PDB file of N, CA and C in Angstrom:
ATOM      1  N   MET A   1       1.932  -9.316  -8.553  1.00  0.00           N
ATOM      2  CA  MET A   1       1.177  -8.092  -8.735  1.00  0.00           C
ATOM      3  C   MET A   1       1.660  -7.053  -7.717  1.00  0.00           C
ATOM      4  N   GLU A   2       1.946  -5.881  -8.183  1.00  0.00           N
ATOM      5  CA  GLU A   2       2.402  -4.797  -7.316  1.00  0.00           C
ATOM      6  C   GLU A   2       1.200  -4.064  -6.731  1.00  0.00           C
ATOM      7  N   THR A   3       1.212  -3.873  -5.411  1.00  0.00           N
ATOM      8  CA  THR A   3       0.114  -3.131  -4.785  1.00  0.00           C
ATOM      9  C   THR A   3       0.659  -2.149  -3.764  1.00  0.00           C
ATOM     10  N   LEU A   4      -0.005  -1.016  -3.667  1.00  0.00           N
ATOM     11  CA  LEU A   4       0.258  -0.022  -2.641  1.00  0.00           C
ATOM     12  C   LEU A   4      -1.038   0.162  -1.870  1.00  0.00           C
ATOM     13  N   GLU A   5      -0.961   0.018  -0.575  1.00  0.00           N
ATOM     14  CA  GLU A   5      -2.142   0.165   0.277  1.00  0.00           C
ATOM     15  C   GLU A   5      -1.858   1.273   1.282  1.00  0.00           C
ATOM     16  N   PHE A   6      -2.830   2.144   1.487  1.00  0.00           N
ATOM     17  CA  PHE A   6      -2.683   3.255   2.413  1.00  0.00           C
ATOM     18  C   PHE A   6      -3.738   3.160   3.503  1.00  0.00           C
ATOM     19  N   VAL A   7      -3.294   3.284   4.741  1.00  0.00           N
ATOM     20  CA  VAL A   7      -4.194   3.331   5.885  1.00  0.00           C
ATOM     21  C   VAL A   7      -4.082   4.743   6.443  1.00  0.00           C
ATOM     22  N   ILE A   8      -5.200   5.467   6.487  1.00  0.00           N
ATOM     23  CA  ILE A   8      -5.200   6.846   6.991  1.00  0.00           C
ATOM     24  C   ILE A   8      -5.883   6.851   8.353  1.00  0.00           C
ATOM     25  N   TYR A   9      -5.131   7.236   9.355  1.00  0.00           N
ATOM     26  CA  TYR A   9      -5.627   7.249  10.725  1.00  0.00           C
ATOM     27  C   TYR A   9      -6.332   8.571  11.027  1.00  0.00           C
ATOM     28  N   PRO A  10      -7.223   8.611  12.021  1.00  0.00           N
ATOM     29  CA  PRO A  10      -7.961   9.831  12.368  1.00  0.00           C
ATOM     30  C   PRO A  10      -7.053  11.015  12.733  1.00  0.00           C
ATOM     31  N   ASP A  11      -5.866  10.726  13.251  1.00  0.00           N
ATOM     32  CA  ASP A  11      -4.962  11.821  13.629  1.00  0.00           C
ATOM     33  C   ASP A  11      -4.117  12.336  12.461  1.00  0.00           C
ATOM     34  N   GLY A  12      -4.346  11.799  11.251  1.00  0.00           N
ATOM     35  CA  GLY A  12      -3.651  12.292  10.061  1.00  0.00           C
ATOM     36  C   GLY A  12      -2.461  11.450   9.627  1.00  0.00           C
ATOM     37  N   ARG A  13      -2.041  10.508  10.448  1.00  0.00           N
ATOM     38  CA  ARG A  13      -0.932   9.635  10.052  1.00  0.00           C
ATOM     39  C   ARG A  13      -1.369   8.743   8.897  1.00  0.00           C
ATOM     40  N   VAL A  14      -0.413   8.404   8.058  1.00  0.00           N
ATOM     41  CA  VAL A  14      -0.688   7.533   6.922  1.00  0.00           C
ATOM     42  C   VAL A  14       0.301   6.374   6.973  1.00  0.00           C
ATOM     43  N   LYS A  15      -0.233   5.175   6.877  1.00  0.00           N
ATOM     44  CA  LYS A  15       0.605   3.979   6.826  1.00  0.00           C
ATOM     45  C   LYS A  15       0.547   3.450   5.406  1.00  0.00           C
ATOM     46  N   GLU A  16       1.710   3.246   4.824  1.00  0.00           N
ATOM     47  CA  GLU A  16       1.813   2.777   3.448  1.00  0.00           C
ATOM     48  C   GLU A  16       2.340   1.343   3.462  1.00  0.00           C
ATOM     49  N   LEU A  17       1.618   0.440   2.807  1.00  0.00           N
ATOM     50  CA  LEU A  17       2.030  -0.960   2.717  1.00  0.00           C
ATOM     51  C   LEU A  17       2.274  -1.289   1.253  1.00  0.00           C
ATOM     52  N   VAL A  18       3.462  -1.797   0.950  1.00  0.00           N
ATOM     53  CA  VAL A  18       3.823  -2.113  -0.426  1.00  0.00           C
ATOM     54  C   VAL A  18       4.071  -3.611  -0.530  1.00  0.00           C
ATOM     55  N   THR A  19       3.462  -4.249  -1.509  1.00  0.00           N
ATOM     56  CA  THR A  19       3.694  -5.668  -1.748  1.00  0.00           C
ATOM     57  C   THR A  19       3.915  -5.908  -3.232  1.00  0.00           C
ATOM     58  N   GLY A  20       4.658  -6.961  -3.525  1.00  0.00           N
ATOM     59  CA  GLY A  20       4.873  -7.353  -4.912  1.00  0.00           C
ATOM     60  C   GLY A  20       6.029  -6.668  -5.595  1.00  0.00           C
ATOM     61  N   ILE A  21       6.786  -5.861  -4.876  1.00  0.00           N
ATOM     62  CA  ILE A  21       7.942  -5.193  -5.454  1.00  0.00           C
ATOM     63  C   ILE A  21       9.180  -5.750  -4.757  1.00  0.00           C
ATOM     64  N   VAL A  22      10.076  -6.348  -5.526  1.00  0.00           N
ATOM     65  CA  VAL A  22      11.245  -7.003  -4.968  1.00  0.00           C
ATOM     66  C   VAL A  22      12.450  -6.062  -5.019  1.00  0.00           C
ATOM     67  N   GLY A  23      13.182  -6.016  -3.923  1.00  0.00           N
ATOM     68  CA  GLY A  23      14.420  -5.252  -3.888  1.00  0.00           C
ATOM     69  C   GLY A  23      14.223  -3.779  -3.596  1.00  0.00           C
ATOM     70  N   ARG A  24      15.247  -3.027  -3.909  1.00  0.00           N
ATOM     71  CA  ARG A  24      15.282  -1.605  -3.588  1.00  0.00           C
ATOM     72  C   ARG A  24      14.399  -0.745  -4.491  1.00  0.00           C
ATOM     73  N   SER A  25      13.851  -1.303  -5.543  1.00  0.00           N
ATOM     74  CA  SER A  25      13.014  -0.504  -6.442  1.00  0.00           C
ATOM     75  C   SER A  25      11.743  -0.013  -5.750  1.00  0.00           C
ATOM     76  N   CYS A  26      11.413  -0.591  -4.613  1.00  0.00           N
ATOM     77  CA  CYS A  26      10.261  -0.142  -3.837  1.00  0.00           C
ATOM     78  C   CYS A  26      10.401   1.339  -3.478  1.00  0.00           C
ATOM     79  N   ALA A  27      11.601   1.742  -3.081  1.00  0.00           N
ATOM     80  CA  ALA A  27      11.836   3.132  -2.704  1.00  0.00           C
ATOM     81  C   ALA A  27      11.604   4.071  -3.882  1.00  0.00           C
ATOM     82  N   GLU A  28      11.965   3.644  -5.072  1.00  0.00           N
ATOM     83  CA  GLU A  28      11.756   4.464  -6.263  1.00  0.00           C
ATOM     84  C   GLU A  28      10.258   4.626  -6.558  1.00  0.00           C
ATOM     85  N   VAL A  29       9.512   3.564  -6.365  1.00  0.00           N
ATOM     86  CA  VAL A  29       8.073   3.585  -6.648  1.00  0.00           C
ATOM     87  C   VAL A  29       7.336   4.491  -5.668  1.00  0.00           C
ATOM     88  N   THR A  30       7.737   4.480  -4.413  1.00  0.00           N
ATOM     89  CA  THR A  30       7.008   5.212  -3.378  1.00  0.00           C
ATOM     90  C   THR A  30       7.537   6.621  -3.104  1.00  0.00           C
ATOM     91  N   ALA A  31       8.660   6.992  -3.670  1.00  0.00           N
ATOM     92  CA  ALA A  31       9.290   8.284  -3.372  1.00  0.00           C
ATOM     93  C   ALA A  31       8.371   9.472  -3.661  1.00  0.00           C
ATOM     94  N   ALA A  32       7.725   9.481  -4.794  1.00  0.00           N
ATOM     95  CA  ALA A  32       6.866  10.617  -5.160  1.00  0.00           C
ATOM     96  C   ALA A  32       5.673  10.731  -4.219  1.00  0.00           C
ATOM     97  N   VAL A  33       5.088   9.597  -3.857  1.00  0.00           N
ATOM     98  CA  VAL A  33       3.933   9.609  -2.952  1.00  0.00           C
ATOM     99  C   VAL A  33       4.359  10.122  -1.579  1.00  0.00           C
ATOM    100  N   GLU A  34       5.479   9.617  -1.087  1.00  0.00           N
ATOM    101  CA  GLU A  34       5.965  10.026   0.231  1.00  0.00           C
ATOM    102  C   GLU A  34       6.316  11.515   0.268  1.00  0.00           C
ATOM    103  N   ALA A  35       6.823  12.044  -0.834  1.00  0.00           N
ATOM    104  CA  ALA A  35       7.144  13.472  -0.896  1.00  0.00           C
ATOM    105  C   ALA A  35       5.888  14.325  -0.754  1.00  0.00           C
ATOM    106  N   GLN A  36       4.786  13.855  -1.312  1.00  0.00           N
ATOM    107  CA  GLN A  36       3.529  14.591  -1.236  1.00  0.00           C
ATOM    108  C   GLN A  36       2.843  14.436   0.121  1.00  0.00           C
ATOM    109  N   LEU A  37       3.056  13.293   0.773  1.00  0.00           N
ATOM    110  CA  LEU A  37       2.408  13.053   2.057  1.00  0.00           C
ATOM    111  C   LEU A  37       3.056  13.832   3.201  1.00  0.00           C
ATOM    112  N   GLY A  38       4.350  14.047   3.118  1.00  0.00           N
ATOM    113  CA  GLY A  38       5.042  14.773   4.184  1.00  0.00           C
ATOM    114  C   GLY A  38       6.172  13.967   4.795  1.00  0.00           C
ATOM    115  N   GLN A  39       6.506  14.272   6.017  1.00  0.00           N
ATOM    116  CA  GLN A  39       7.648  13.673   6.697  1.00  0.00           C
ATOM    117  C   GLN A  39       7.417  12.185   6.973  1.00  0.00           C
ATOM    118  N   VAL A  40       8.419  11.375   6.622  1.00  0.00           N
ATOM    119  CA  VAL A  40       8.373   9.940   6.916  1.00  0.00           C
ATOM    120  C   VAL A  40       8.953   9.746   8.310  1.00  0.00           C
ATOM    121  N   LEU A  41       8.148   9.184   9.203  1.00  0.00           N
ATOM    122  CA  LEU A  41       8.585   8.989  10.581  1.00  0.00           C
ATOM    123  C   LEU A  41       9.325   7.674  10.783  1.00  0.00           C
ATOM    124  N   SER A  42       8.916   6.644  10.074  1.00  0.00           N
ATOM    125  CA  SER A  42       9.595   5.360  10.208  1.00  0.00           C
ATOM    126  C   SER A  42       9.351   4.508   8.976  1.00  0.00           C
ATOM    127  N   GLN A  43      10.237   3.532   8.774  1.00  0.00           N
ATOM    128  CA  GLN A  43      10.101   2.580   7.687  1.00  0.00           C
ATOM    129  C   GLN A  43      10.453   1.197   8.209  1.00  0.00           C
ATOM    130  N   GLU A  44       9.693   0.210   7.798  1.00  0.00           N
ATOM    131  CA  GLU A  44       9.983  -1.184   8.126  1.00  0.00           C
ATOM    132  C   GLU A  44      10.117  -1.939   6.810  1.00  0.00           C
ATOM    133  N   LYS A  45      11.276  -2.487   6.570  1.00  0.00           N
ATOM    134  CA  LYS A  45      11.511  -3.220   5.337  1.00  0.00           C
ATOM    135  C   LYS A  45      11.026  -4.659   5.490  1.00  0.00           C
ATOM    136  N   THR A  46      10.357  -5.160   4.462  1.00  0.00           N
ATOM    137  CA  THR A  46       9.849  -6.522   4.483  1.00  0.00           C
ATOM    138  C   THR A  46      10.881  -7.464   3.866  1.00  0.00           C
ATOM    139  N   SER A  47      10.590  -8.734   3.884  1.00  0.00           N
ATOM    140  CA  SER A  47      11.493  -9.713   3.287  1.00  0.00           C
ATOM    141  C   SER A  47      11.617  -9.500   1.777  1.00  0.00           C
ATOM    142  N   GLU A  48      10.598  -8.931   1.147  1.00  0.00           N
ATOM    143  CA  GLU A  48      10.663  -8.653  -0.291  1.00  0.00           C
ATOM    144  C   GLU A  48      11.761  -7.632  -0.610  1.00  0.00           C
ATOM    145  N   PHE A  49      12.022  -6.711   0.315  1.00  0.00           N
ATOM    146  CA  PHE A  49      13.068  -5.722   0.105  1.00  0.00           C
ATOM    147  C   PHE A  49      14.434  -6.400  -0.011  1.00  0.00           C
ATOM    148  N   TYR A  50      14.646  -7.413   0.808  1.00  0.00           N
ATOM    149  CA  TYR A  50      15.932  -8.090   0.847  1.00  0.00           C
ATOM    150  C   TYR A  50      16.043  -9.230  -0.171  1.00  0.00           C
ATOM    151  N   ALA A  51      14.941  -9.581  -0.807  1.00  0.00           N
ATOM    152  CA  ALA A  51      14.945 -10.677  -1.778  1.00  0.00           C
ATOM    153  C   ALA A  51      15.673 -10.258  -3.045  1.00  0.00           C
ATOM    154  N   GLN A  52      16.271 -11.226  -3.687  1.00  0.00           N
ATOM    155  CA  GLN A  52      16.927 -10.990  -4.971  1.00  0.00           C
ATOM    156  C   GLN A  52      15.899 -11.179  -6.069  1.00  0.00           C
ATOM    157  N   GLY A  53      16.020 -10.412  -7.120  1.00  0.00           N
ATOM    158  CA  GLY A  53      15.128 -10.562  -8.258  1.00  0.00           C
ATOM    159  C   GLY A  53      15.434 -11.845  -9.009  1.00  0.00           C
ATOM    160  N   ASN A  54      14.666 -12.139 -10.021  1.00  0.00           N
ATOM    161  CA  ASN A  54      14.866 -13.331 -10.827  1.00  0.00           C
ATOM    162  C   ASN A  54      15.882 -13.069 -11.920  1.00  0.00           C
ATOM    163  N   GLN A  55      17.080 -12.730 -11.520  1.00  0.00           N
ATOM    164  CA  GLN A  55      18.143 -12.447 -12.473  1.00  0.00           C
ATOM    165  C   GLN A  55      19.061 -13.663 -12.507  1.00  0.00           C
ATOM    166  N   LEU A  56      18.943 -14.440 -13.560  1.00  0.00           N
ATOM    167  CA  LEU A  56      19.757 -15.622 -13.694  1.00  0.00           C
ATOM    168  C   LEU A  56      20.902 -15.335 -14.642  1.00  0.00           C
ATOM    169  N   THR A  57      22.070 -15.825 -14.294  1.00  0.00           N
ATOM    170  CA  THR A  57      23.205 -15.686 -15.191  1.00  0.00           C
ATOM    171  C   THR A  57      23.618 -17.078 -15.636  1.00  0.00           C
ATOM    172  N   THR A  58      23.953 -17.188 -16.879  1.00  0.00           N
ATOM    173  CA  THR A  58      24.342 -18.485 -17.425  1.00  0.00           C
ATOM    174  C   THR A  58      25.721 -18.394 -18.042  1.00  0.00           C
ATOM    175  N   GLU A  59      26.672 -17.877 -17.302  1.00  0.00           N
ATOM    176  CA  GLU A  59      28.048 -17.803 -17.782  1.00  0.00           C
ATOM    177  C   GLU A  59      28.720 -19.139 -17.549  1.00  0.00           C
ATOM    178  N   GLN A  60      29.541 -19.529 -18.513  1.00  0.00           N
ATOM    179  CA  GLN A  60      30.263 -20.777 -18.385  1.00  0.00           C
ATOM    180  C   GLN A  60      31.659 -20.553 -18.938  1.00  0.00           C
ATOM    181  N   THR A  61      32.639 -20.838 -18.119  1.00  0.00           N
ATOM    182  CA  THR A  61      34.018 -20.656 -18.572  1.00  0.00           C
ATOM    183  C   THR A  61      34.469 -21.887 -19.331  1.00  0.00           C
ATOM    184  N   ASP A  62      35.580 -21.765 -20.049  1.00  0.00           N
ATOM    185  CA  ASP A  62      36.111 -22.884 -20.820  1.00  0.00           C
ATOM    186  C   ASP A  62      36.452 -24.066 -19.925  1.00  0.00           C
ATOM    187  N   SER A  63      36.935 -23.801 -18.726  1.00  0.00           N
ATOM    188  CA  SER A  63      37.301 -24.899 -17.835  1.00  0.00           C
ATOM    189  C   SER A  63      36.070 -25.666 -17.367  1.00  0.00           C
ATOM    190  N   GLN A  64      34.923 -25.046 -17.359  1.00  0.00           N
ATOM    191  CA  GLN A  64      33.689 -25.722 -16.951  1.00  0.00           C
ATOM    192  C   GLN A  64      33.087 -26.513 -18.110  1.00  0.00           C
ATOM    193  N   ALA A  65      33.476 -26.197 -19.329  1.00  0.00           N
ATOM    194  CA  ALA A  65      32.880 -26.825 -20.516  1.00  0.00           C
ATOM    195  C   ALA A  65      33.681 -28.028 -21.003  1.00  0.00           C
ATOM    196  N   ASN A  66      34.678 -28.480 -20.284  1.00  0.00           N
ATOM    197  CA  ASN A  66      35.473 -29.634 -20.707  1.00  0.00           C
ATOM    198  C   ASN A  66      34.660 -30.914 -20.565  1.00  0.00           C
ATOM    199  N   TYR A  67      34.738 -31.741 -21.595  1.00  0.00           N
ATOM    200  CA  TYR A  67      34.030 -33.003 -21.590  1.00  0.00           C
ATOM    201  C   TYR A  67      35.024 -34.153 -21.693  1.00  0.00           C
ATOM    202  N   SER A  68      34.671 -35.261 -21.171  1.00  0.00           N
ATOM    203  CA  SER A  68      35.515 -36.449 -21.261  1.00  0.00           C
ATOM    204  C   SER A  68      35.459 -36.972 -22.686  1.00  0.00           C
ATOM    205  N   SER A  69      36.555 -37.486 -23.210  1.00  0.00           N
ATOM    206  CA  SER A  69      36.602 -37.969 -24.586  1.00  0.00           C
ATOM    207  C   SER A  69      36.329 -39.455 -24.688  1.00  0.00           C
ATOM    208  N   TRP A  70      35.993 -40.098 -23.651  1.00  0.00           N
ATOM    209  CA  TRP A  70      35.766 -41.547 -23.754  1.00  0.00           C
ATOM    210  C   TRP A  70      34.373 -41.817 -23.976  1.00  0.00           C
TER     211      TRP A  70
END
């Protein structure tokens, strides 16, 4: 489940916490919100940012498909 959580401090700073979004697509999801909030002072990437999505490839070459004839 994708969630965006915002913590608004008394001095006007806003902390944005994003969970459930894997990879670089997090930046695409939050770009519009960050543009409206103002200047981004810092960013901390979580392990989800560096995680690979569930993209499985099932390529098999002819040399891998050889079977024994016995």
